Amino acid sequence: MNSIGRLVRARAADEAWRRGLNIIWRQGAEIEDERGSRTKELMNLMVVIEDASSCIAPREYSWTEDRLDEYAYQLLSPENPGFEYTYGERLRSWNEEVDQIAEIVNRLKRNPRTRRATAVTWIPPVDHRREEVPCMVVCDFKIRYNMLNLTAVFRSHDFAGAYPANVYALTRLLHHVSGETGTAPGSITTLSVSAHIYEHDWDWVEGLIVKMGGGQAGP
């Protein structure tokens, strides 16, 4: 089975998540990762959320609103409360030198058509020597047709456990940049090089797929 390359386009984040899970579950390949965890994996899954005007998480998702808000705050804040890394630290104080989000805002203000409003979270001399490294490695902003669109690239993406929280936080980031640049928030696109579901989530994901489709959720 060809488990490389799929596209999901949905109006809202909860629909995108459910459809993405369905594709990974039915079409993904079973692999064991470098830590010995069994997963179902689909490579290069692109998910386009057309309306990023809301931060609502799927009702089936286990995280509370307080936990989601804390996670979103960490993505926007340069402060690291003691973790190996945070996305906010990498985006707002990259290598303890650059606020990439502020630079993106300035670049978009100077030229709304720019293709250079890009931030990275990977620091080569640091991350090639660590075991705990960023999953999201690129955030890119484009203003097109008077809308600000955000694309995020994930080298590795726990689609069942992390995707809704990631999109919740990315929505906050998109709204922050749109507010600073005076543009309307548009779409959020995620490209997951390895979109996967861990074995410990297989039972409840299968149950969700059955509930969605009304039938057996076999691969």
C-alpha atoms as a PDB file:
ATOM      1  CA  MET A   1       0.000   0.000   0.000  1.00  0.00           C
ATOM      2  CA  ASN A   2       1.280   3.465  -0.886  1.00  0.00           C
ATOM      3  CA  SER A   3       1.300   5.281   2.460  1.00  0.00           C
ATOM      4  CA  ILE A   4       2.936   8.461   1.169  1.00  0.00           C
ATOM      5  CA  GLY A   5       1.039  11.629   0.349  1.00  0.00           C
ATOM      6  CA  ARG A   6      -2.589  12.519   1.140  1.00  0.00           C
ATOM      7  CA  LEU A   7      -4.576  15.773   1.303  1.00  0.00           C
ATOM      8  CA  VAL A   8      -7.374  16.698   3.703  1.00  0.00           C
ATOM      9  CA  ARG A   9      -9.263  19.955   3.193  1.00  0.00           C
ATOM     10  CA  ALA A  10     -11.832  20.906   5.811  1.00  0.00           C
ATOM     11  CA  ARG A  11     -13.675  23.967   7.018  1.00  0.00           C
ATOM     12  CA  ALA A  12     -12.825  23.568  10.711  1.00  0.00           C
ATOM     13  CA  ALA A  13     -10.089  21.974  12.832  1.00  0.00           C
ATOM     14  CA  ASP A  14     -12.237  19.267  14.439  1.00  0.00           C
ATOM     15  CA  GLU A  15     -13.410  17.949  11.068  1.00  0.00           C
ATOM     16  CA  ALA A  16      -9.834  18.038   9.741  1.00  0.00           C
ATOM     17  CA  TRP A  17      -8.594  16.034  12.736  1.00  0.00           C
ATOM     18  CA  ARG A  18     -11.228  13.314  12.421  1.00  0.00           C
ATOM     19  CA  ARG A  19     -10.691  12.940   8.688  1.00  0.00           C
ATOM     20  CA  GLY A  20      -6.915  12.867   9.151  1.00  0.00           C
ATOM     21  CA  LEU A  21      -7.212  10.132  11.783  1.00  0.00           C
ATOM     22  CA  ASN A  22      -9.447   8.146   9.456  1.00  0.00           C
ATOM     23  CA  ILE A  23      -6.911   8.288   6.620  1.00  0.00           C
ATOM     24  CA  ILE A  24      -3.958   7.359   8.838  1.00  0.00           C
ATOM     25  CA  TRP A  25      -5.897   4.509  10.442  1.00  0.00           C
ATOM     26  CA  ARG A  26      -7.122   3.009   7.184  1.00  0.00           C
ATOM     27  CA  GLN A  27      -4.156   3.709   4.908  1.00  0.00           C
ATOM     28  CA  GLY A  28      -1.149   4.035   7.211  1.00  0.00           C
ATOM     29  CA  ALA A  29       1.607   1.459   7.486  1.00  0.00           C
ATOM     30  CA  GLU A  30       2.484  -0.196  10.800  1.00  0.00           C
ATOM     31  CA  ILE A  31       6.044   0.681  11.781  1.00  0.00           C
ATOM     32  CA  GLU A  32       8.167   0.635  14.912  1.00  0.00           C
ATOM     33  CA  ASP A  33       9.900   3.927  15.587  1.00  0.00           C
ATOM     34  CA  GLU A  34      13.456   4.436  16.856  1.00  0.00           C
ATOM     35  CA  ARG A  35      12.258   4.251  20.469  1.00  0.00           C
ATOM     36  CA  GLY A  36      10.530   0.924  19.895  1.00  0.00           C
ATOM     37  CA  SER A  37       6.954   2.260  19.839  1.00  0.00           C
ATOM     38  CA  ARG A  38       4.501   0.731  17.377  1.00  0.00           C
ATOM     39  CA  THR A  39       2.639   3.228  15.224  1.00  0.00           C
ATOM     40  CA  LYS A  40       0.399   3.524  12.213  1.00  0.00           C
ATOM     41  CA  GLU A  41       2.151   6.010   9.948  1.00  0.00           C
ATOM     42  CA  LEU A  42       1.195   7.970   6.861  1.00  0.00           C
ATOM     43  CA  MET A  43       3.954  10.070   5.330  1.00  0.00           C
ATOM     44  CA  ASN A  44       3.429  13.572   3.948  1.00  0.00           C
ATOM     45  CA  LEU A  45      -0.132  14.227   5.110  1.00  0.00           C
ATOM     46  CA  MET A  46      -1.236  17.753   4.230  1.00  0.00           C
ATOM     47  CA  VAL A  47      -4.217  19.157   6.126  1.00  0.00           C
ATOM     48  CA  VAL A  48      -5.787  22.475   5.109  1.00  0.00           C
ATOM     49  CA  ILE A  49      -8.106  24.160   7.611  1.00  0.00           C
ATOM     50  CA  GLU A  50      -9.925  26.813   5.630  1.00  0.00           C
ATOM     51  CA  ASP A  51     -11.404  28.770   8.539  1.00  0.00           C
ATOM     52  CA  ALA A  52      -8.972  29.574  11.351  1.00  0.00           C
ATOM     53  CA  SER A  53     -11.326  32.026  13.045  1.00  0.00           C
ATOM     54  CA  SER A  54     -11.910  29.745  16.013  1.00  0.00           C
ATOM     55  CA  CYS A  55      -9.722  27.851  18.507  1.00  0.00           C
ATOM     56  CA  ILE A  56     -12.280  25.202  19.470  1.00  0.00           C
ATOM     57  CA  ALA A  57     -10.809  21.746  20.102  1.00  0.00           C
ATOM     58  CA  PRO A  58     -12.702  18.571  19.084  1.00  0.00           C
ATOM     59  CA  ARG A  59     -15.146  17.361  21.723  1.00  0.00           C
ATOM     60  CA  GLU A  60     -13.445  13.939  21.734  1.00  0.00           C
ATOM     61  CA  TYR A  61     -10.067  15.431  22.620  1.00  0.00           C
ATOM     62  CA  SER A  62      -8.862  14.808  26.167  1.00  0.00           C
ATOM     63  CA  TRP A  63      -7.149  18.126  26.912  1.00  0.00           C
ATOM     64  CA  THR A  64      -8.998  20.688  29.026  1.00  0.00           C
ATOM     65  CA  GLU A  65      -9.365  24.293  27.877  1.00  0.00           C
ATOM     66  CA  ASP A  66      -6.947  25.420  30.605  1.00  0.00           C
ATOM     67  CA  ARG A  67      -4.299  22.985  29.382  1.00  0.00           C
ATOM     68  CA  LEU A  68      -4.814  24.102  25.781  1.00  0.00           C
ATOM     69  CA  ASP A  69      -4.501  27.750  26.801  1.00  0.00           C
ATOM     70  CA  GLU A  70      -1.269  27.020  28.665  1.00  0.00           C
ATOM     71  CA  TYR A  71       0.133  25.228  25.627  1.00  0.00           C
ATOM     72  CA  ALA A  72      -0.857  28.112  23.339  1.00  0.00           C
ATOM     73  CA  TYR A  73       0.774  30.579  25.718  1.00  0.00           C
ATOM     74  CA  GLN A  74       4.030  28.616  25.594  1.00  0.00           C
ATOM     75  CA  LEU A  75       4.032  28.824  21.805  1.00  0.00           C
ATOM     76  CA  LEU A  76       3.770  32.630  21.946  1.00  0.00           C
ATOM     77  CA  SER A  77       6.082  33.270  24.895  1.00  0.00           C
ATOM     78  CA  PRO A  78       9.901  33.441  24.712  1.00  0.00           C
ATOM     79  CA  GLU A  79      10.132  32.197  28.303  1.00  0.00           C
ATOM     80  CA  ASN A  80      11.096  28.577  28.973  1.00  0.00           C
ATOM     81  CA  PRO A  81       9.887  27.396  32.401  1.00  0.00           C
ATOM     82  CA  GLY A  82      12.403  24.539  32.464  1.00  0.00           C
ATOM     83  CA  PHE A  83      11.675  22.265  29.510  1.00  0.00           C
ATOM     84  CA  GLU A  84      14.283  20.896  27.105  1.00  0.00           C
ATOM     85  CA  TYR A  85      12.821  23.399  24.648  1.00  0.00           C
ATOM     86  CA  THR A  86       9.554  25.203  23.908  1.00  0.00           C
ATOM     87  CA  TYR A  87       8.257  26.350  20.546  1.00  0.00           C
ATOM     88  CA  GLY A  88       7.860  29.853  21.951  1.00  0.00           C
ATOM     89  CA  GLU A  89      11.505  29.953  22.984  1.00  0.00           C
ATOM     90  CA  ARG A  90      12.573  28.862  19.495  1.00  0.00           C
ATOM     91  CA  LEU A  91      10.177  31.251  17.713  1.00  0.00           C
ATOM     92  CA  ARG A  92      10.567  34.292  19.981  1.00  0.00           C
ATOM     93  CA  SER A  93      14.175  33.886  21.155  1.00  0.00           C
ATOM     94  CA  TRP A  94      15.834  31.701  18.537  1.00  0.00           C
ATOM     95  CA  ASN A  95      19.324  30.751  19.708  1.00  0.00           C
ATOM     96  CA  GLU A  96      18.749  33.413  22.397  1.00  0.00           C
ATOM     97  CA  GLU A  97      19.211  36.030  19.668  1.00  0.00           C
ATOM     98  CA  VAL A  98      16.221  36.566  17.359  1.00  0.00           C
ATOM     99  CA  ASP A  99      12.478  37.102  17.837  1.00  0.00           C
ATOM    100  CA  GLN A 100      11.463  35.463  14.563  1.00  0.00           C
ATOM    101  CA  ILE A 101       7.789  36.361  14.954  1.00  0.00           C
ATOM    102  CA  ALA A 102       8.607  40.053  15.396  1.00  0.00           C
ATOM    103  CA  GLU A 103      10.833  39.876  12.315  1.00  0.00           C
ATOM    104  CA  ILE A 104       8.007  38.211  10.362  1.00  0.00           C
ATOM    105  CA  VAL A 105       5.574  40.951  11.405  1.00  0.00           C
ATOM    106  CA  ASN A 106       8.014  43.644  10.291  1.00  0.00           C
ATOM    107  CA  ARG A 107       8.685  41.920   6.981  1.00  0.00           C
ATOM    108  CA  LEU A 108       4.971  41.499   6.239  1.00  0.00           C
ATOM    109  CA  LYS A 109       4.359  45.155   7.038  1.00  0.00           C
ATOM    110  CA  ARG A 110       7.139  46.219   4.681  1.00  0.00           C
ATOM    111  CA  ASN A 111       5.980  43.970   1.861  1.00  0.00           C
ATOM    112  CA  PRO A 112       2.667  42.075   2.167  1.00  0.00           C
ATOM    113  CA  ARG A 113       3.611  39.944  -0.871  1.00  0.00           C
ATOM    114  CA  THR A 114       6.820  38.635   0.680  1.00  0.00           C
ATOM    115  CA  ARG A 115       7.716  34.959   0.495  1.00  0.00           C
ATOM    116  CA  ARG A 116      10.263  35.339   3.278  1.00  0.00           C
ATOM    117  CA  ALA A 117       8.024  35.451   6.362  1.00  0.00           C
ATOM    118  CA  THR A 118       9.400  32.154   7.637  1.00  0.00           C
ATOM    119  CA  ALA A 119      10.471  30.955  11.082  1.00  0.00           C
ATOM    120  CA  VAL A 120      12.370  27.796  12.006  1.00  0.00           C
ATOM    121  CA  THR A 121      12.599  25.985  15.326  1.00  0.00           C
ATOM    122  CA  TRP A 122      15.496  23.657  14.569  1.00  0.00           C
ATOM    123  CA  ILE A 123      18.922  24.832  15.803  1.00  0.00           C
ATOM    124  CA  PRO A 124      21.463  22.513  14.108  1.00  0.00           C
ATOM    125  CA  PRO A 125      24.357  22.701  16.621  1.00  0.00           C
ATOM    126  CA  VAL A 126      21.876  22.053  19.451  1.00  0.00           C
ATOM    127  CA  ASP A 127      19.347  19.603  18.076  1.00  0.00           C
ATOM    128  CA  HIS A 128      21.671  17.225  16.272  1.00  0.00           C
ATOM    129  CA  ARG A 129      23.132  16.408  19.690  1.00  0.00           C
ATOM    130  CA  ARG A 130      19.848  15.982  21.598  1.00  0.00           C
ATOM    131  CA  GLU A 131      17.217  13.290  21.879  1.00  0.00           C
ATOM    132  CA  GLU A 132      14.330  15.699  22.661  1.00  0.00           C
ATOM    133  CA  VAL A 133      13.968  17.897  19.584  1.00  0.00           C
ATOM    134  CA  PRO A 134      11.172  19.990  18.013  1.00  0.00           C
ATOM    135  CA  CYS A 135       8.501  18.175  16.038  1.00  0.00           C
ATOM    136  CA  MET A 136       7.315  21.361  14.332  1.00  0.00           C
ATOM    137  CA  VAL A 137      10.284  22.693  12.408  1.00  0.00           C
ATOM    138  CA  VAL A 138       8.914  25.475  10.162  1.00  0.00           C
ATOM    139  CA  CYS A 139       6.211  28.148  10.356  1.00  0.00           C
ATOM    140  CA  ASP A 140       5.555  30.200   7.231  1.00  0.00           C
ATOM    141  CA  PHE A 141       3.179  33.133   6.715  1.00  0.00           C
ATOM    142  CA  LYS A 142       1.780  34.412   3.431  1.00  0.00           C
ATOM    143  CA  ILE A 143      -0.653  37.265   2.806  1.00  0.00           C
ATOM    144  CA  ARG A 144      -2.702  36.445  -0.266  1.00  0.00           C
ATOM    145  CA  TYR A 145      -6.013  37.972  -1.347  1.00  0.00           C
ATOM    146  CA  ASN A 146      -5.957  40.144   1.807  1.00  0.00           C
ATOM    147  CA  MET A 147      -5.851  37.074   4.066  1.00  0.00           C
ATOM    148  CA  LEU A 148      -2.976  35.888   6.267  1.00  0.00           C
ATOM    149  CA  ASN A 149      -2.309  32.162   5.845  1.00  0.00           C
ATOM    150  CA  LEU A 150      -0.084  30.013   8.042  1.00  0.00           C
ATOM    151  CA  THR A 151       1.705  26.817   7.014  1.00  0.00           C
ATOM    152  CA  ALA A 152       3.494  24.634   9.584  1.00  0.00           C
ATOM    153  CA  VAL A 153       5.796  21.715   8.768  1.00  0.00           C
ATOM    154  CA  PHE A 154       6.115  18.845  11.261  1.00  0.00           C
ATOM    155  CA  ARG A 155       8.928  16.333  10.834  1.00  0.00           C
ATOM    156  CA  SER A 156       7.024  14.048  13.233  1.00  0.00           C
ATOM    157  CA  HIS A 157       3.375  14.423  14.236  1.00  0.00           C
ATOM    158  CA  ASP A 158       1.450  12.514  16.898  1.00  0.00           C
ATOM    159  CA  PHE A 159      -1.855  13.018  15.122  1.00  0.00           C
ATOM    160  CA  ALA A 160      -4.104  11.476  17.755  1.00  0.00           C
ATOM    161  CA  GLY A 161      -2.499  13.007  20.828  1.00  0.00           C
ATOM    162  CA  ALA A 162      -0.994  16.306  19.669  1.00  0.00           C
ATOM    163  CA  TYR A 163      -2.648  17.593  16.480  1.00  0.00           C
ATOM    164  CA  PRO A 164      -5.629  19.410  18.110  1.00  0.00           C
ATOM    165  CA  ALA A 165      -3.347  21.137  20.634  1.00  0.00           C
ATOM    166  CA  ASN A 166      -0.911  22.100  17.889  1.00  0.00           C
ATOM    167  CA  VAL A 167      -3.653  23.660  15.767  1.00  0.00           C
ATOM    168  CA  TYR A 168      -5.188  25.376  18.800  1.00  0.00           C
ATOM    169  CA  ALA A 169      -1.845  27.068  19.499  1.00  0.00           C
ATOM    170  CA  LEU A 170      -1.135  27.796  15.831  1.00  0.00           C
ATOM    171  CA  THR A 171      -4.510  29.532  15.607  1.00  0.00           C
ATOM    172  CA  ARG A 172      -3.452  31.824  18.439  1.00  0.00           C
ATOM    173  CA  LEU A 173      -0.175  32.490  16.654  1.00  0.00           C
ATOM    174  CA  LEU A 174      -1.980  33.269  13.398  1.00  0.00           C
ATOM    175  CA  HIS A 175      -4.321  35.683  15.177  1.00  0.00           C
ATOM    176  CA  HIS A 176      -1.363  37.364  16.882  1.00  0.00           C
ATOM    177  CA  VAL A 177       0.438  37.994  13.585  1.00  0.00           C
ATOM    178  CA  SER A 178      -2.768  39.029  11.812  1.00  0.00           C
ATOM    179  CA  GLY A 179      -3.477  41.536  14.572  1.00  0.00           C
ATOM    180  CA  GLU A 180       0.036  42.968  14.385  1.00  0.00           C
ATOM    181  CA  THR A 181      -0.109  43.276  10.594  1.00  0.00           C
ATOM    182  CA  GLY A 182      -3.718  44.452  10.281  1.00  0.00           C
ATOM    183  CA  THR A 183      -4.756  41.491   8.135  1.00  0.00           C
ATOM    184  CA  ALA A 184      -7.609  39.009   8.411  1.00  0.00           C
ATOM    185  CA  PRO A 185      -6.714  35.467   9.524  1.00  0.00           C
ATOM    186  CA  GLY A 186      -7.108  32.963   6.700  1.00  0.00           C
ATOM    187  CA  SER A 187      -6.161  29.294   6.568  1.00  0.00           C
ATOM    188  CA  ILE A 188      -3.881  27.008   8.554  1.00  0.00           C
ATOM    189  CA  THR A 189      -2.095  24.223   6.681  1.00  0.00           C
ATOM    190  CA  THR A 190      -0.055  21.511   8.344  1.00  0.00           C
ATOM    191  CA  LEU A 191       2.346  19.261   6.451  1.00  0.00           C
ATOM    192  CA  SER A 192       3.166  16.218   8.557  1.00  0.00           C
ATOM    193  CA  VAL A 193       6.148  14.334   7.137  1.00  0.00           C
ATOM    194  CA  SER A 194       5.348  11.477   9.517  1.00  0.00           C
ATOM    195  CA  ALA A 195       1.712  11.609  10.636  1.00  0.00           C
ATOM    196  CA  HIS A 196       1.230   8.732  13.037  1.00  0.00           C
ATOM    197  CA  ILE A 197      -0.979   7.156  15.687  1.00  0.00           C
ATOM    198  CA  TYR A 198       0.738   5.441  18.615  1.00  0.00           C
ATOM    199  CA  GLU A 199      -0.317   1.936  19.608  1.00  0.00           C
ATOM    200  CA  HIS A 200      -1.613   3.111  22.987  1.00  0.00           C
ATOM    201  CA  ASP A 201      -4.223   5.207  21.134  1.00  0.00           C
ATOM    202  CA  TRP A 202      -5.322   2.525  18.664  1.00  0.00           C
ATOM    203  CA  ASP A 203      -8.381   1.308  20.611  1.00  0.00           C
ATOM    204  CA  TRP A 204     -10.030   4.681  21.095  1.00  0.00           C
ATOM    205  CA  VAL A 205      -9.120   5.857  17.596  1.00  0.00           C
ATOM    206  CA  GLU A 206     -10.689   2.700  16.151  1.00  0.00           C
ATOM    207  CA  GLY A 207     -13.800   3.367  18.211  1.00  0.00           C
ATOM    208  CA  LEU A 208     -13.954   6.935  16.928  1.00  0.00           C
ATOM    209  CA  ILE A 209     -13.559   5.780  13.324  1.00  0.00           C
ATOM    210  CA  VAL A 210     -16.338   3.212  13.745  1.00  0.00           C
ATOM    211  CA  LYS A 211     -18.595   5.889  15.240  1.00  0.00           C
ATOM    212  CA  MET A 212     -17.860   8.212  12.345  1.00  0.00           C
ATOM    213  CA  GLY A 213     -18.391   5.628   9.631  1.00  0.00           C
ATOM    214  CA  GLY A 214     -20.872   3.311  11.235  1.00  0.00           C
ATOM    215  CA  GLY A 215     -18.881   0.227  10.290  1.00  0.00           C
ATOM    216  CA  GLN A 216     -15.786  -1.785  11.066  1.00  0.00           C
ATOM    217  CA  ALA A 217     -12.629   0.326  11.106  1.00  0.00           C
ATOM    218  CA  GLY A 218     -10.270  -2.145   9.525  1.00  0.00           C
ATOM    219  CA  PRO A 219      -7.113  -0.950   7.734  1.00  0.00           C
END
